[in-house]
Structures are given as structure tokens and as C-alpha cells.
Amino acid sequence: MNEIESYPVCYAGYSDSDERMLSSSGGIFSVAAKHVIKTGGVVCGAAIDEKGNVFHKCVENIDELRDLYGSKYAQSNVGRSYAEVKKYLKEGRKVLFCGTPCQANALAGIVGDDRKNLIIMDFICHGVPNPEVFRRYIEEQSGGKAVKSIYFRNKDKGWNDFTFKIVYRDSSEYARVFNDDEYMHGFLSNLYLRPSCYKCGIKGQNRKSDLTIGDFWGVQEEEPEIYDEKGVSVLLVNNEQADRFLLEIKDELFLRTVDINKVIKHNSCLVRPVDPNVMTGVFYRDYTRKGVKWAVNAIWRPSITYKVRNKIIRGLKKVLCR
């Protein structure tokens, strides 16, 4: 790889391994994680249980890595993960940590300057939803059936038309394309993100991660010759340590340098937070009484009566805020 003059360096890329179909986009995390495990290291990332609880855990073998693959669009409980990472680092082991930019910055602050065995990876973050909203949605959607597994970004219909999928223990399934599922629609409409996400300052070059990954949305327009319906990732190399690590895994990846502005054009969350949804208050009012699905649908696909009522409410708010 060429000598780097300035960071970050932006790549488009993907892995040709089977794990790419289990990953949200191009499978770069899976390649990095497997490499760290194979060289005696530890990987810490987000997993999800059958109740919809998202939590960070550290894994030391390849078989457990699958729990960490794929996006989880609910707030992760880091628990004792930061303390575990510090313990492994004191033992002289390499650690790969993957989390939101705020989790990555927090870990960087806890560990301090001695990061020679730590690779911190974050991702282009839309924002973190309220975990209680997600747990309640799973209860509503499941109707008492026992859940086996949950996938936020199933690729059965391809990367661009990914589905939200729940697999139940009776072998039945719920699967909807992301823009037709109530929870995913509410998430992407910014209805129930954490308040701090709307004013997130960890954008652009304010992040303390070594590597940043994400979806290369718009790749068909910007770099059509590398478009692949299995998924194409963005990879930002943010410093020299990340560049050295990339040298260890580059032979397992297809990588091409791209203009970062092509990424920002289609994924502005890299450099700025999303805007609040003016209907968030209405959602929470209805959600507490009637549930997630009802509250999202009332805003997303409202009846004429509901449209009129909410138009009046918004009008009153504007008057009162003057």
C-alpha cells in the first residue's frame, strides 16, 4: 500500500468470504475479527439475545464471532466490557473493539495513550434508538412466540433491500423489507433516538477510533464497476496504527481508494448528526398507551382524523413557541 500523507484514508471494499452475507455490508469487520482471533487476540462487539437486549461481549474463538456480526439498531449495554478490554491488554493480548463512535471515544479515554495492542473500530452512526422501544416492539411482533434469533439487516433480498427478520423457535419467521417494517421505519425517521444523538459531536474527524466502517450507499452511482448486491463497505483508516493493521488483512479484502466526498454525499451521518423528528413527542404519548406498532403507524400511515388532529397540534406548538 502507498505511503500515507494524511488521514483519514477512505476505501471502498468488501470480503469475498461467506461471512459477507451475515454482515450488514461488505464484511470487513468479520475479516478483521477473524484475524485477531487467529493471532491469539480477543474481539469485543455487540450481540443480541432472544428478548431483544443488545449487549457488548468479548469473544476468544471463531465460533462465537457470529454473535457479533451484523448491525444492531438498539442501544448496547457495554456492562463490564471496558474493564475486560483493559484486562486483556494488560495480559499483552491484541484486542479489537467495535462499537458506536461514542462508545469508541469512551474506551479511548479509559485506556489512554497505550493503545499498541488495541484496535478501536467504530461505524458511520445514524443514531442509537431507545432500547425499551425495541424490546417492546419484539414483544408485540412476536405475540408470545419464543424468539430464536433477530436480524436487523438480513440480505435474502439483497443488500439494498435488506429485511428485518425474526426467526421463532417453532421455525416460523417474520420478515419485512426495512422500509415496510414499523420499527425500522421509526428508527430511520429519527422517532426514538437518544436525545444526545441529535447533537452528537463525534462526527468527521472528532472520532478517536482507528478504523471506521459503514455502508457505501450510492456506490452504483459513484463507483458502478465495484457495485455488488452482496454489499460494499466504506472503510476509513484514521491513523498509522490502523494502516499497519490493514496491511495484515488487506490480502483478504478487495479495496479501492475513493473520494470521501462521494461517501458523504450519500451518507451524511459521517459528518453530521440527524435532525430530530417533530413527531417524537406524539410517538411517545401514543407508544406508552398503545404500543410501538400503533404509534409508528399513526404517524407513518395515519387516518384522515389523525392527520387533522396532529396538524392542529403542530400548529398550536408553533404558536406557543413564538
Protein backbone atom coordinates (compact mmCIF):
# COMPACT_ATOMS: atom_id res chain seq x y z
CA MET A 1 0.00 0.00 0.00
CA ASN A 2 1.22 3.53 -0.75
CA GLU A 3 2.79 5.81 1.85
CA ILE A 4 0.06 7.83 3.54
CA GLU A 5 0.40 11.61 3.61
CA SER A 6 -2.71 12.41 5.65
CA TYR A 7 -5.58 10.70 7.45
CA PRO A 8 -8.28 9.57 7.18
CA VAL A 9 -7.82 7.49 4.05
CA CYS A 10 -11.10 6.34 2.52
CA TYR A 11 -11.58 2.96 0.86
CA ALA A 12 -14.47 1.12 -0.70
CA GLY A 13 -14.23 -2.59 -0.19
CA TYR A 14 -15.60 -5.98 0.67
CA SER A 15 -14.69 -9.51 1.57
CA ASP A 16 -15.43 -12.50 -0.64
CA SER A 17 -15.84 -14.78 2.38
CA ASP A 18 -19.14 -16.48 3.24
CA GLU A 19 -19.49 -14.16 6.23
CA ARG A 20 -20.31 -11.24 3.92
CA MET A 21 -23.93 -12.44 3.70
CA LEU A 22 -24.08 -12.42 7.52
CA SER A 23 -22.63 -8.91 7.66
CA SER A 24 -24.50 -5.65 7.17
CA SER A 25 -22.49 -4.52 4.16
CA GLY A 26 -19.10 -5.69 2.87
CA GLY A 27 -17.93 -8.00 5.65
CA ILE A 28 -14.83 -6.03 6.63
CA PHE A 29 -15.47 -6.42 10.37
CA SER A 30 -15.64 -10.21 10.01
CA VAL A 31 -12.24 -10.34 8.28
CA ALA A 32 -10.64 -8.10 10.91
CA ALA A 33 -12.23 -10.04 13.78
CA LYS A 34 -11.20 -13.47 12.48
CA HIS A 35 -7.63 -12.26 12.00
CA VAL A 36 -7.43 -11.00 15.59
CA ILE A 37 -8.82 -14.29 16.97
CA LYS A 38 -6.48 -16.40 14.82
CA THR A 39 -3.48 -14.46 16.12
CA GLY A 40 -4.45 -15.09 19.75
CA GLY A 41 -6.42 -11.92 20.35
CA VAL A 42 -9.87 -11.02 21.63
CA VAL A 43 -12.80 -9.31 19.89
CA CYS A 44 -15.37 -7.19 21.72
CA GLY A 45 -18.60 -6.22 19.98
CA ALA A 46 -22.39 -6.08 20.19
CA ALA A 47 -24.56 -9.20 20.44
CA ILE A 48 -28.32 -9.61 20.88
CA ASP A 49 -30.42 -12.10 22.84
CA GLU A 50 -33.88 -13.51 22.15
CA LYS A 51 -35.54 -10.79 24.28
CA GLY A 52 -34.09 -8.02 22.14
CA ASN A 53 -31.43 -7.00 24.66
CA VAL A 54 -28.29 -5.72 22.93
CA PHE A 55 -25.06 -6.01 24.89
CA HIS A 56 -21.30 -5.98 24.34
CA LYS A 57 -19.30 -9.11 24.96
CA CYS A 58 -15.74 -10.29 24.42
CA VAL A 59 -15.11 -13.48 22.45
CA GLU A 60 -11.96 -15.55 22.06
CA ASN A 61 -12.94 -18.17 19.47
CA ILE A 62 -14.14 -18.12 15.86
CA ASP A 63 -17.44 -19.91 16.57
CA GLU A 64 -18.63 -17.11 18.87
CA LEU A 65 -17.84 -14.38 16.36
CA ARG A 66 -21.13 -14.87 14.53
CA ASP A 67 -22.93 -13.36 17.52
CA LEU A 68 -21.14 -10.09 16.76
CA TYR A 69 -21.83 -9.97 13.02
CA GLY A 70 -24.41 -7.56 11.64
CA SER A 71 -25.81 -4.23 12.82
CA LYS A 72 -27.91 -3.98 15.97
CA TYR A 73 -30.20 -0.97 15.86
CA ALA A 74 -30.77 -0.60 19.59
CA GLN A 75 -28.60 0.76 22.38
CA SER A 76 -25.97 -1.69 23.54
CA ASN A 77 -25.22 -2.21 27.23
CA VAL A 78 -21.42 -2.21 27.48
CA GLY A 79 -21.54 -3.68 31.01
CA ARG A 80 -18.01 -4.59 32.08
CA SER A 81 -16.65 -4.67 28.53
CA TYR A 82 -14.29 -1.73 29.00
CA ALA A 83 -12.82 -3.35 32.13
CA GLU A 84 -12.43 -6.65 30.28
CA VAL A 85 -10.65 -4.92 27.41
CA LYS A 86 -8.20 -3.33 29.86
CA LYS A 87 -7.60 -6.73 31.47
CA TYR A 88 -6.78 -8.38 28.14
CA LEU A 89 -4.48 -5.50 27.20
CA LYS A 90 -2.59 -5.87 30.50
CA GLU A 91 -2.10 -9.54 29.60
CA GLY A 92 -0.40 -8.39 26.39
CA ARG A 93 -3.15 -9.63 24.07
CA LYS A 94 -4.38 -7.83 20.98
CA VAL A 95 -7.98 -6.58 21.25
CA LEU A 96 -10.37 -5.44 18.54
CA PHE A 97 -13.25 -3.38 19.93
CA CYS A 98 -16.20 -2.38 17.74
CA GLY A 99 -18.92 0.00 18.89
CA THR A 100 -20.65 3.31 18.27
CA PRO A 101 -18.45 6.41 17.95
CA CYS A 102 -19.37 7.48 21.50
CA GLN A 103 -18.50 4.02 22.87
CA ALA A 104 -15.24 4.08 20.91
CA ASN A 105 -14.32 7.53 22.26
CA ALA A 106 -15.19 6.42 25.79
CA LEU A 107 -12.91 3.39 25.55
CA ALA A 108 -10.09 5.51 24.11
CA GLY A 109 -10.40 7.83 27.09
CA ILE A 110 -10.34 4.94 29.57
CA VAL A 111 -7.36 3.17 28.02
CA GLY A 112 -5.28 6.30 27.44
CA ASP A 113 -2.23 6.55 25.22
CA ASP A 114 -1.00 2.96 25.47
CA ARG A 115 -3.02 1.52 22.58
CA LYS A 116 -0.39 -0.50 20.73
CA ASN A 117 -2.38 -3.75 21.14
CA LEU A 118 -5.83 -2.15 20.81
CA ILE A 119 -7.67 -1.59 17.55
CA ILE A 120 -10.79 0.53 18.04
CA MET A 121 -13.35 0.30 15.26
CA ASP A 122 -16.48 2.42 15.08
CA PHE A 123 -19.04 2.90 12.33
CA ILE A 124 -20.99 5.57 10.50
CA CYS A 125 -23.76 6.01 13.04
CA HIS A 126 -27.31 7.15 12.27
CA GLY A 127 -28.09 7.37 15.98
CA VAL A 128 -28.96 4.99 18.80
CA PRO A 129 -32.61 4.08 19.42
CA ASN A 130 -34.26 3.75 22.81
CA PRO A 131 -33.68 0.09 23.84
CA GLU A 132 -37.02 -0.14 25.64
CA VAL A 133 -38.87 0.75 22.43
CA PHE A 134 -37.11 -2.11 20.66
CA ARG A 135 -37.79 -4.66 23.41
CA ARG A 136 -41.46 -3.73 23.42
CA TYR A 137 -41.60 -3.99 19.63
CA ILE A 138 -40.19 -7.53 19.75
CA GLU A 139 -42.86 -8.48 22.32
CA GLU A 140 -45.62 -7.01 20.16
CA GLN A 141 -44.36 -8.53 16.93
CA SER A 142 -43.83 -11.97 18.46
CA GLY A 143 -47.23 -12.27 20.13
CA GLY A 144 -45.94 -14.63 22.81
CA LYS A 145 -43.93 -16.87 20.46
CA ALA A 146 -40.41 -17.78 21.60
CA VAL A 147 -37.74 -15.96 19.62
CA LYS A 148 -34.68 -17.82 18.36
CA SER A 149 -32.81 -15.03 16.57
CA ILE A 150 -33.17 -11.45 15.34
CA TYR A 151 -31.58 -9.95 12.23
CA PHE A 152 -31.74 -6.22 11.52
CA ARG A 153 -30.05 -6.49 8.11
CA ASN A 154 -30.94 -9.84 6.52
CA LYS A 155 -29.76 -9.97 2.89
CA ASP A 156 -32.10 -12.60 1.44
CA LYS A 157 -33.48 -9.88 -0.85
CA GLY A 158 -30.09 -8.24 -1.30
CA TRP A 159 -28.06 -5.51 0.37
CA ASN A 160 -30.14 -2.57 -0.90
CA ASP A 161 -33.46 -4.17 0.05
CA PHE A 162 -32.41 -5.69 3.35
CA THR A 163 -35.08 -7.13 5.63
CA PHE A 164 -35.75 -7.01 9.34
CA LYS A 165 -36.18 -10.66 10.30
CA ILE A 166 -37.23 -12.59 13.41
CA VAL A 167 -36.84 -16.37 13.48
CA TYR A 168 -39.01 -18.16 16.05
CA ARG A 169 -38.34 -21.44 17.83
CA ASP A 170 -41.35 -23.02 16.12
CA SER A 171 -39.48 -22.43 12.80
CA SER A 172 -41.86 -19.66 11.68
CA GLU A 173 -40.47 -16.29 10.61
CA TYR A 174 -41.37 -12.64 10.41
CA ALA A 175 -39.55 -10.76 7.63
CA ARG A 176 -40.22 -7.33 6.14
CA VAL A 177 -38.16 -5.15 3.83
CA PHE A 178 -36.72 -2.40 6.03
CA ASN A 179 -38.94 0.40 4.70
CA ASP A 180 -42.09 -1.64 5.37
CA ASP A 181 -41.31 -2.59 8.98
CA GLU A 182 -42.65 -0.32 11.72
CA TYR A 183 -39.57 -0.43 13.94
CA MET A 184 -37.09 0.19 11.14
CA HIS A 185 -39.26 2.96 9.71
CA GLY A 186 -39.40 4.70 13.09
CA PHE A 187 -35.65 4.32 13.56
CA LEU A 188 -34.80 5.72 10.12
CA SER A 189 -37.33 8.53 10.69
CA ASN A 190 -35.47 9.52 13.90
CA LEU A 191 -38.56 9.00 16.05
CA TYR A 192 -36.89 7.45 19.10
CA LEU A 193 -33.18 8.09 19.07
CA ARG A 194 -31.39 9.14 22.25
CA PRO A 195 -31.67 12.93 22.73
CA SER A 196 -27.86 13.26 22.68
CA CYS A 197 -27.72 11.73 19.18
CA TYR A 198 -29.36 14.80 17.64
CA LYS A 199 -26.43 16.96 18.79
CA CYS A 200 -23.65 14.37 18.51
CA GLY A 201 -20.23 16.00 18.33
CA ILE A 202 -18.35 12.84 17.35
CA LYS A 203 -18.61 13.39 13.64
CA GLY A 204 -15.99 13.99 10.97
CA GLN A 205 -12.51 13.95 12.50
CA ASN A 206 -13.65 14.20 16.13
CA ARG A 207 -13.68 10.42 16.47
CA LYS A 208 -10.90 8.60 18.34
CA SER A 209 -11.27 5.28 16.57
CA ASP A 210 -8.55 3.69 14.47
CA LEU A 211 -10.94 2.37 11.81
CA THR A 212 -14.43 3.45 10.76
CA ILE A 213 -16.73 1.20 8.73
CA GLY A 214 -20.11 1.73 7.12
CA ASP A 215 -22.27 1.18 4.05
CA PHE A 216 -21.15 2.69 0.77
CA TRP A 217 -24.64 3.82 -0.17
CA GLY A 218 -24.72 5.22 -3.68
CA VAL A 219 -21.84 3.04 -4.86
CA GLN A 220 -23.82 2.17 -8.03
CA GLU A 221 -23.71 5.86 -8.95
CA GLU A 222 -20.25 6.77 -7.69
CA GLU A 223 -18.23 3.60 -8.42
CA PRO A 224 -20.54 1.39 -10.54
CA GLU A 225 -17.85 -1.08 -11.56
CA ILE A 226 -17.43 -2.30 -7.96
CA TYR A 227 -21.12 -2.45 -7.08
CA ASP A 228 -22.13 -5.82 -5.66
CA GLU A 229 -25.58 -6.71 -4.30
CA LYS A 230 -23.92 -8.69 -1.50
CA GLY A 231 -22.78 -5.35 -0.04
CA VAL A 232 -19.99 -2.81 -0.36
CA SER A 233 -18.40 -1.14 2.66
CA VAL A 234 -16.73 2.15 3.36
CA LEU A 235 -13.52 1.83 5.36
CA LEU A 236 -11.80 4.86 6.86
CA VAL A 237 -8.23 4.40 8.07
CA ASN A 238 -7.84 7.10 10.70
CA ASN A 239 -4.20 6.77 11.81
CA GLU A 240 -0.89 4.95 11.35
CA GLN A 241 -1.78 2.11 13.71
CA ALA A 242 -4.89 1.36 11.66
CA ASP A 243 -2.82 1.46 8.48
CA ARG A 244 -0.40 -1.12 9.90
CA PHE A 245 -3.31 -3.34 10.92
CA LEU A 246 -4.84 -3.06 7.47
CA LEU A 247 -1.59 -4.37 5.98
CA GLU A 248 -2.16 -7.57 7.97
CA ILE A 249 -5.60 -8.23 6.46
CA LYS A 250 -5.58 -6.49 3.07
CA ASP A 251 -4.97 -9.71 1.13
CA GLU A 252 -8.36 -10.98 2.33
CA LEU A 253 -10.19 -7.90 1.06
CA PHE A 254 -10.94 -6.10 -2.16
CA LEU A 255 -10.09 -2.44 -1.50
CA ARG A 256 -10.11 0.68 -3.65
CA THR A 257 -9.35 4.24 -2.54
CA VAL A 258 -12.28 6.58 -3.09
CA ASP A 259 -13.00 10.26 -2.58
CA ILE A 260 -14.56 10.64 0.87
CA ASN A 261 -16.95 13.25 -0.52
CA LYS A 262 -18.60 10.51 -2.58
CA VAL A 263 -19.38 8.73 0.69
CA ILE A 264 -20.63 11.86 2.46
CA LYS A 265 -22.93 12.65 -0.47
CA HIS A 266 -24.98 9.51 0.24
CA ASN A 267 -24.25 9.00 3.95
CA SER A 268 -24.11 12.39 5.65
CA CYS A 269 -24.13 10.77 9.11
CA LEU A 270 -20.37 10.50 8.70
CA VAL A 271 -20.03 14.25 9.26
CA ARG A 272 -23.25 15.50 10.88
CA PRO A 273 -26.00 14.25 13.21
CA VAL A 274 -29.53 13.61 12.02
CA ASP A 275 -32.33 16.10 12.69
CA PRO A 276 -34.93 15.45 15.41
CA ASN A 277 -38.36 14.31 14.27
CA VAL A 278 -41.04 16.84 15.26
CA MET A 279 -43.41 13.92 15.93
CA THR A 280 -41.26 12.31 18.64
CA GLY A 281 -43.46 13.65 21.44
CA VAL A 282 -46.58 12.36 19.70
CA PHE A 283 -44.92 8.95 19.27
CA TYR A 284 -44.05 8.61 22.97
CA ARG A 285 -47.50 9.74 24.05
CA ASP A 286 -49.15 7.07 21.89
CA TYR A 287 -46.47 4.42 22.43
CA THR A 288 -46.96 4.32 26.19
CA ARG A 289 -50.70 3.73 25.74
CA LYS A 290 -50.99 1.68 22.58
CA GLY A 291 -47.58 0.25 21.73
CA VAL A 292 -44.83 0.73 19.18
CA LYS A 293 -46.56 -0.54 16.06
CA TRP A 294 -49.71 1.50 16.63
CA ALA A 295 -47.74 4.67 17.45
CA VAL A 296 -45.47 4.39 14.40
CA ASN A 297 -48.35 3.61 12.05
CA ALA A 298 -50.39 6.52 13.40
CA ILE A 299 -47.60 8.85 12.24
CA TRP A 300 -46.48 6.92 9.18
CA ARG A 301 -49.83 5.76 7.77
CA PRO A 302 -52.35 7.88 9.67
CA SER A 303 -56.09 8.01 9.17
CA ILE A 304 -57.61 11.29 7.97
CA THR A 305 -58.86 12.03 11.50
CA TYR A 306 -55.41 11.50 12.97
CA LYS A 307 -53.80 13.69 10.28
CA VAL A 308 -56.17 16.56 11.08
CA ARG A 309 -55.62 16.19 14.84
CA ASN A 310 -51.82 16.20 14.54
CA LYS A 311 -51.88 19.14 12.14
CA ILE A 312 -53.78 21.11 14.79
CA ILE A 313 -51.28 20.02 17.48
CA ARG A 314 -48.29 21.10 15.36
CA GLY A 315 -49.97 24.42 14.62
CA LEU A 316 -50.55 25.08 18.32
CA LYS A 317 -46.92 24.24 19.13
CA LYS A 318 -45.71 26.79 16.57
CA VAL A 319 -47.95 29.46 18.09
CA LEU A 320 -46.85 28.64 21.65
CA CYS A 321 -43.15 28.66 20.70
CA ARG A 322 -43.25 32.17 19.21
